[in-house]
Amino acid sequence: MQKRDNSLLQRVKDNAFYVALGLGLVAILAVVAVYTMGQSGGKLAKDDTGVMQTSEYAKLQEEKNNSVKETTGSTSRENTKEDYSFAADEKGKAPIELENADAGESFVSGEEAGDEMTQVAVEDTKAAENTAVNQDVRESEDSEIPDGKQVPVTADAGELNFNSEKTIGWPVSGSVILPFSMETTVYFKTLDQYRCNPGMLISAGNGTTVQSAFLGKVTKVTSDDIYGNMVTVYLGNDYSVTYGQLDTVYVKEGDYVKAGESIGTIGNPTDSFTEEGSHLFFEMTEGETPVDPVLFME
């Protein structure tokens, strides 16, 4: 055992140089490590004079950037590579305006943005109202008859108060083919017979516009084999007029028509009146009794 210990000691003595060299290198590495850590610490905390640490500064800067993004609404644009310039207010608060230096776009934030959005909403509302009005005007223009007469009004025209002292207009311009005749008979050429006539036949070409003779309300839109398409209009005080031998009808039951407005157009005569040619059958009644329209015409 003693011999083995002496041999180990002798080896240490023989290698003392290398042992010392190794210890020295370890010491140098330790000093370098301590120095490096000291330098890194100095970057994070410079001194104790109240200067903000880098990590805290970065945190506040990030919060400020997030606030700017929310204020200007430019989050989606943040991901683009466009060049934007910012202009802050006098107190250095949130940006007032964001301009795209390349595209020349301008964005406002805060109270100005709210005012602008309100103004845009008001303008959109006005535009929608104007569109609706223009649509009504276009529909009104589209409803005009070729000769310029308007389709009858649909609003209530008030109380209908026709009486025997008032006059009605001629619904078409033309000569009387067959007059009103309920006391004596008149000759019907197509039927080749004499018979009473409850209305009057006024000559009018096919397609002629029939005008309302007086203010009234449409009570019937009917059709039969003798007088074709017919429109009956109530004038008031039990007086009514009926327009027959029509082709196109512009009105419906419940419509109010003013004097001169279009009722419809003249069509081809029915088989009962082919020899008489195209005409308007015009009848006037008081209650259920036919009366001579000519007595009320101007």
Protein backbone atom coordinates (compact mmCIF):
# COMPACT_ATOMS: atom_id res chain seq x y z
CA MET A 1 0.00 0.00 0.00
CA GLN A 2 2.81 2.42 0.92
CA LYS A 3 4.52 1.74 -2.33
CA ARG A 4 1.33 2.46 -4.35
CA ASP A 5 0.80 5.86 -2.56
CA ASN A 6 4.33 6.90 -3.29
CA SER A 7 3.89 6.11 -6.94
CA LEU A 8 0.72 8.31 -7.16
CA LEU A 9 2.45 11.22 -5.43
CA GLN A 10 5.38 10.89 -7.78
CA ARG A 11 3.04 11.11 -10.79
CA VAL A 12 1.45 14.30 -9.44
CA LYS A 13 4.85 15.89 -8.97
CA ASP A 14 5.91 14.88 -12.46
CA ASN A 15 2.73 16.48 -13.96
CA ALA A 16 2.52 19.56 -11.72
CA PHE A 17 3.01 21.90 -14.69
CA TYR A 18 0.04 20.56 -16.58
CA VAL A 19 -2.18 20.59 -13.49
CA ALA A 20 -1.33 24.27 -12.87
CA LEU A 21 -1.96 25.11 -16.52
CA GLY A 22 -5.40 23.49 -16.39
CA LEU A 23 -6.38 25.35 -13.23
CA GLY A 24 -5.27 28.61 -14.80
CA LEU A 25 -7.44 28.08 -17.89
CA VAL A 26 -10.46 27.35 -15.70
CA ALA A 27 -9.85 30.60 -13.78
CA ILE A 28 -9.57 32.61 -17.02
CA LEU A 29 -12.84 31.14 -18.36
CA ALA A 30 -14.59 32.00 -15.10
CA VAL A 31 -13.41 35.63 -15.29
CA VAL A 32 -14.53 35.94 -18.92
CA ALA A 33 -17.97 34.54 -18.04
CA VAL A 34 -18.42 36.96 -15.16
CA TYR A 35 -17.40 39.90 -17.37
CA THR A 36 -19.80 38.89 -20.14
CA MET A 37 -22.72 38.59 -17.75
CA GLY A 38 -21.89 42.00 -16.34
CA GLN A 39 -21.98 43.57 -19.79
CA SER A 40 -25.39 41.98 -20.58
CA GLY A 41 -26.83 43.16 -17.32
CA GLY A 42 -25.72 46.65 -18.08
CA LYS A 43 -27.74 46.70 -21.26
CA LEU A 44 -30.93 45.69 -19.46
CA ALA A 45 -30.50 48.06 -16.53
CA LYS A 46 -28.16 50.98 -17.24
CA ASP A 47 -28.16 52.67 -13.83
CA ASP A 48 -30.41 53.64 -10.94
CA THR A 49 -31.14 57.21 -12.14
CA GLY A 50 -34.79 56.43 -12.96
CA VAL A 51 -34.25 55.50 -16.64
CA MET A 52 -36.88 52.95 -17.76
CA GLN A 53 -35.62 49.41 -18.40
CA THR A 54 -35.64 48.22 -21.98
CA SER A 55 -38.21 45.46 -21.40
CA GLU A 56 -40.71 47.85 -19.78
CA TYR A 57 -40.18 50.41 -22.52
CA ALA A 58 -40.82 47.80 -25.18
CA LYS A 59 -44.01 46.74 -23.41
CA LEU A 60 -45.40 50.29 -23.27
CA GLN A 61 -44.40 50.90 -26.89
CA GLU A 62 -46.30 47.78 -27.93
CA GLU A 63 -49.40 48.95 -26.01
CA LYS A 64 -49.15 52.34 -27.71
CA ASN A 65 -48.92 50.73 -31.15
CA ASN A 66 -51.97 48.59 -30.41
CA SER A 67 -53.87 51.74 -29.35
CA VAL A 68 -52.92 53.45 -32.59
CA LYS A 69 -54.14 50.47 -34.60
CA GLU A 70 -57.51 50.43 -32.81
CA THR A 71 -57.95 54.22 -33.12
CA THR A 72 -57.24 54.46 -36.82
CA GLY A 73 -58.79 51.17 -37.83
CA SER A 74 -55.67 50.37 -39.84
CA THR A 75 -55.06 46.88 -38.51
CA SER A 76 -55.80 45.25 -41.85
CA ARG A 77 -53.55 47.72 -43.63
CA GLU A 78 -50.74 47.05 -41.10
CA ASN A 79 -50.01 43.79 -42.88
CA THR A 80 -49.41 45.49 -46.24
CA LYS A 81 -46.10 46.87 -47.45
CA GLU A 82 -47.54 50.30 -48.32
CA ASP A 83 -45.76 53.39 -47.06
CA TYR A 84 -47.90 55.36 -44.63
CA SER A 85 -47.05 58.65 -42.88
CA PHE A 86 -48.56 59.60 -39.53
CA ALA A 87 -49.35 63.05 -38.16
CA ALA A 88 -49.99 63.45 -34.42
CA ASP A 89 -51.94 66.22 -32.71
CA GLU A 90 -50.32 69.00 -30.70
CA LYS A 91 -50.33 66.99 -27.45
CA GLY A 92 -48.76 63.95 -29.10
CA LYS A 93 -51.80 61.77 -28.56
CA ALA A 94 -53.45 59.36 -30.99
CA PRO A 95 -52.88 60.12 -34.69
CA ILE A 96 -55.38 62.50 -36.22
CA GLU A 97 -54.90 61.51 -39.83
CA LEU A 98 -53.44 58.55 -41.68
CA GLU A 99 -52.36 59.21 -45.24
CA ASN A 100 -51.24 56.76 -47.86
CA ALA A 101 -48.20 58.45 -49.35
CA ASP A 102 -48.48 56.43 -52.55
CA ALA A 103 -52.23 56.23 -53.14
CA GLY A 104 -53.13 59.57 -51.55
CA GLU A 105 -55.81 57.95 -49.34
CA SER A 106 -56.86 59.73 -46.16
CA PHE A 107 -58.36 58.25 -42.99
CA VAL A 108 -59.69 60.21 -40.02
CA SER A 109 -60.08 58.85 -36.51
CA GLY A 110 -61.74 59.70 -33.23
CA GLU A 111 -64.53 62.27 -33.14
CA GLU A 112 -63.88 63.34 -36.75
CA ALA A 113 -64.39 59.77 -37.95
CA GLY A 114 -67.67 59.54 -36.00
CA ASP A 115 -68.92 62.79 -37.55
CA GLU A 116 -67.93 61.58 -41.01
CA MET A 117 -69.74 58.25 -40.52
CA THR A 118 -72.86 60.09 -39.35
CA GLN A 119 -72.72 62.36 -42.38
CA VAL A 120 -72.31 59.36 -44.69
CA ALA A 121 -75.31 57.64 -43.08
CA VAL A 122 -77.45 60.77 -43.56
CA GLU A 123 -76.36 61.08 -47.17
CA ASP A 124 -77.16 57.40 -47.78
CA THR A 125 -80.63 57.91 -46.29
CA LYS A 126 -81.25 60.95 -48.50
CA ALA A 127 -80.00 59.04 -51.53
CA ALA A 128 -82.38 56.17 -50.73
CA GLU A 129 -85.28 58.62 -50.39
CA ASN A 130 -84.37 60.32 -53.67
CA THR A 131 -84.13 56.92 -55.35
CA ALA A 132 -87.63 56.02 -54.10
CA VAL A 133 -89.02 59.35 -55.33
CA ASN A 134 -87.32 58.96 -58.70
CA GLN A 135 -88.69 55.43 -58.96
CA ASP A 136 -92.22 56.74 -58.31
CA VAL A 137 -91.70 59.41 -60.97
CA ARG A 138 -90.44 56.83 -63.47
CA GLU A 139 -93.40 54.57 -62.75
CA SER A 140 -95.74 57.52 -63.20
CA GLU A 141 -94.04 58.40 -66.50
CA ASP A 142 -94.19 54.78 -67.65
CA SER A 143 -97.91 54.70 -66.90
CA GLU A 144 -98.64 57.56 -69.26
CA ILE A 145 -100.83 56.81 -72.25
CA PRO A 146 -99.34 57.54 -75.70
CA ASP A 147 -101.55 60.60 -76.16
CA GLY A 148 -100.27 62.08 -72.89
CA LYS A 149 -103.22 61.23 -70.64
CA GLN A 150 -102.42 59.90 -67.19
CA VAL A 151 -103.68 56.65 -65.75
CA PRO A 152 -106.51 57.45 -63.27
CA VAL A 153 -105.64 58.44 -59.73
CA THR A 154 -106.15 55.78 -57.07
CA ALA A 155 -106.47 58.10 -54.07
CA ASP A 156 -109.90 59.01 -52.70
CA ALA A 157 -111.10 62.10 -54.58
CA GLY A 158 -113.52 63.08 -51.86
CA GLU A 159 -117.30 63.32 -52.02
CA LEU A 160 -118.83 62.77 -55.46
CA ASN A 161 -121.56 65.32 -55.94
CA PHE A 162 -122.83 65.33 -59.52
CA ASN A 163 -126.29 66.78 -60.15
CA SER A 164 -128.57 67.81 -63.01
CA GLU A 165 -127.16 71.35 -63.06
CA LYS A 166 -123.63 70.19 -63.88
CA THR A 167 -122.22 69.31 -67.27
CA ILE A 168 -120.03 66.51 -68.56
CA GLY A 169 -117.44 66.48 -71.35
CA TRP A 170 -117.39 64.48 -74.54
CA PRO A 171 -115.41 61.25 -73.98
CA VAL A 172 -114.27 61.15 -77.64
CA SER A 173 -114.46 63.53 -80.57
CA GLY A 174 -116.73 62.17 -83.27
CA SER A 175 -120.17 62.27 -84.81
CA VAL A 176 -123.21 60.55 -83.28
CA ILE A 177 -123.97 57.37 -85.24
CA LEU A 178 -127.04 56.43 -83.21
CA PRO A 179 -128.63 58.83 -80.70
CA PHE A 180 -130.12 58.02 -77.32
CA SER A 181 -133.74 56.94 -77.84
CA MET A 182 -135.89 55.27 -75.22
CA GLU A 183 -139.27 56.72 -76.23
CA THR A 184 -139.01 55.87 -79.93
CA THR A 185 -137.07 53.25 -81.85
CA VAL A 186 -134.06 53.82 -84.08
CA TYR A 187 -132.69 51.67 -86.87
CA PHE A 188 -129.75 49.38 -86.08
CA LYS A 189 -128.05 48.67 -89.40
CA THR A 190 -126.14 45.52 -88.42
CA LEU A 191 -129.14 43.99 -86.65
CA ASP A 192 -131.42 45.28 -89.41
CA GLN A 193 -134.13 46.21 -86.96
CA TYR A 194 -135.64 49.11 -85.09
CA ARG A 195 -135.24 49.18 -81.37
CA CYS A 196 -134.76 51.54 -78.42
CA ASN A 197 -131.24 52.75 -77.69
CA PRO A 198 -130.33 53.25 -73.98
CA GLY A 199 -127.14 55.12 -74.87
CA MET A 200 -125.51 56.88 -77.77
CA LEU A 201 -122.99 55.63 -80.33
CA ILE A 202 -120.17 58.13 -81.04
CA SER A 203 -117.94 57.44 -84.04
CA ALA A 204 -114.26 56.88 -83.08
CA GLY A 205 -111.39 55.09 -84.80
CA ASN A 206 -109.87 51.90 -83.49
CA GLY A 207 -107.29 52.73 -80.81
CA THR A 208 -108.75 56.15 -79.95
CA THR A 209 -108.29 57.07 -76.28
CA VAL A 210 -111.52 57.43 -74.29
CA GLN A 211 -111.45 60.22 -71.72
CA SER A 212 -113.41 60.42 -68.50
CA ALA A 213 -116.41 62.73 -68.94
CA PHE A 214 -116.53 63.73 -65.25
CA LEU A 215 -114.92 63.02 -61.89
CA GLY A 216 -116.07 59.68 -60.57
CA LYS A 217 -115.31 56.27 -59.11
CA VAL A 218 -115.05 53.07 -61.17
CA THR A 219 -117.70 50.66 -59.91
CA LYS A 220 -117.73 48.02 -62.68
CA VAL A 221 -115.38 46.65 -65.32
CA THR A 222 -117.38 44.11 -67.33
CA SER A 223 -117.71 42.61 -70.80
CA ASP A 224 -120.52 41.15 -72.94
CA ASP A 225 -121.21 40.14 -76.57
CA ILE A 226 -123.22 43.28 -77.40
CA TYR A 227 -121.17 46.18 -76.05
CA GLY A 228 -117.79 44.49 -75.58
CA ASN A 229 -115.54 45.68 -72.75
CA MET A 230 -117.33 48.21 -70.55
CA VAL A 231 -116.40 50.51 -67.68
CA THR A 232 -119.04 52.02 -65.37
CA VAL A 233 -118.14 55.14 -63.33
CA TYR A 234 -120.27 56.52 -60.49
CA LEU A 235 -120.54 60.34 -60.53
CA GLY A 236 -122.57 60.91 -57.38
CA ASN A 237 -126.24 61.35 -56.44
CA ASP A 238 -127.19 58.12 -58.27
CA TYR A 239 -125.70 59.29 -61.58
CA SER A 240 -123.40 56.90 -63.48
CA VAL A 241 -121.87 56.69 -66.96
CA THR A 242 -120.83 53.60 -68.91
CA TYR A 243 -118.18 53.41 -71.63
CA GLY A 244 -118.49 50.44 -74.04
CA GLN A 245 -116.89 48.95 -77.16
CA LEU A 246 -113.44 49.25 -75.51
CA ASP A 247 -110.30 47.34 -76.36
CA THR A 248 -107.68 48.14 -73.71
CA VAL A 249 -109.00 49.18 -70.28
CA TYR A 250 -106.75 51.38 -68.13
CA VAL A 251 -108.79 51.33 -64.93
CA LYS A 252 -109.99 48.86 -62.33
CA GLU A 253 -112.83 48.83 -59.84
CA GLY A 254 -112.21 51.29 -57.00
CA ASP A 255 -110.16 53.75 -59.06
CA TYR A 256 -111.08 57.43 -58.99
CA VAL A 257 -110.85 59.13 -62.37
CA LYS A 258 -110.82 62.85 -62.99
CA ALA A 259 -112.40 64.54 -65.99
CA GLY A 260 -110.14 64.15 -69.02
CA GLU A 261 -108.18 61.16 -67.69
CA SER A 262 -107.97 57.99 -69.74
CA ILE A 263 -110.49 55.19 -69.36
CA GLY A 264 -109.20 52.97 -72.17
CA THR A 265 -109.08 52.75 -75.96
CA ILE A 266 -111.63 51.99 -78.67
CA GLY A 267 -111.56 48.47 -80.08
CA ASN A 268 -113.15 46.72 -83.03
CA PRO A 269 -116.97 46.79 -82.89
CA THR A 270 -118.73 43.66 -81.68
CA ASP A 271 -120.70 41.47 -84.10
CA SER A 272 -123.85 43.42 -83.23
CA PHE A 273 -122.35 46.67 -84.62
CA THR A 274 -120.05 45.73 -87.49
CA GLU A 275 -121.98 47.87 -90.00
CA GLU A 276 -121.83 50.88 -87.69
CA GLY A 277 -118.02 50.72 -87.62
CA SER A 278 -115.66 51.52 -84.71
CA HIS A 279 -117.36 53.67 -82.10
CA LEU A 280 -117.88 54.34 -78.39
CA PHE A 281 -121.05 53.22 -76.71
CA PHE A 282 -121.79 55.88 -74.09
CA GLU A 283 -124.62 55.47 -71.62
CA MET A 284 -125.76 57.63 -68.71
CA THR A 285 -128.14 56.54 -65.98
CA GLU A 286 -129.85 58.05 -62.95
CA GLY A 287 -130.33 55.14 -60.62
CA GLU A 288 -131.30 52.38 -63.06
CA THR A 289 -133.03 54.69 -65.54
CA PRO A 290 -131.17 55.61 -68.75
CA VAL A 291 -131.04 59.37 -69.47
CA ASP A 292 -129.88 61.22 -72.57
CA PRO A 293 -126.16 62.13 -72.13
CA VAL A 294 -126.48 64.98 -74.62
CA LEU A 295 -128.65 66.88 -72.14
CA PHE A 296 -125.64 67.11 -69.78
CA MET A 297 -122.92 67.73 -72.35
CA GLU A 298 -121.25 71.06 -72.87
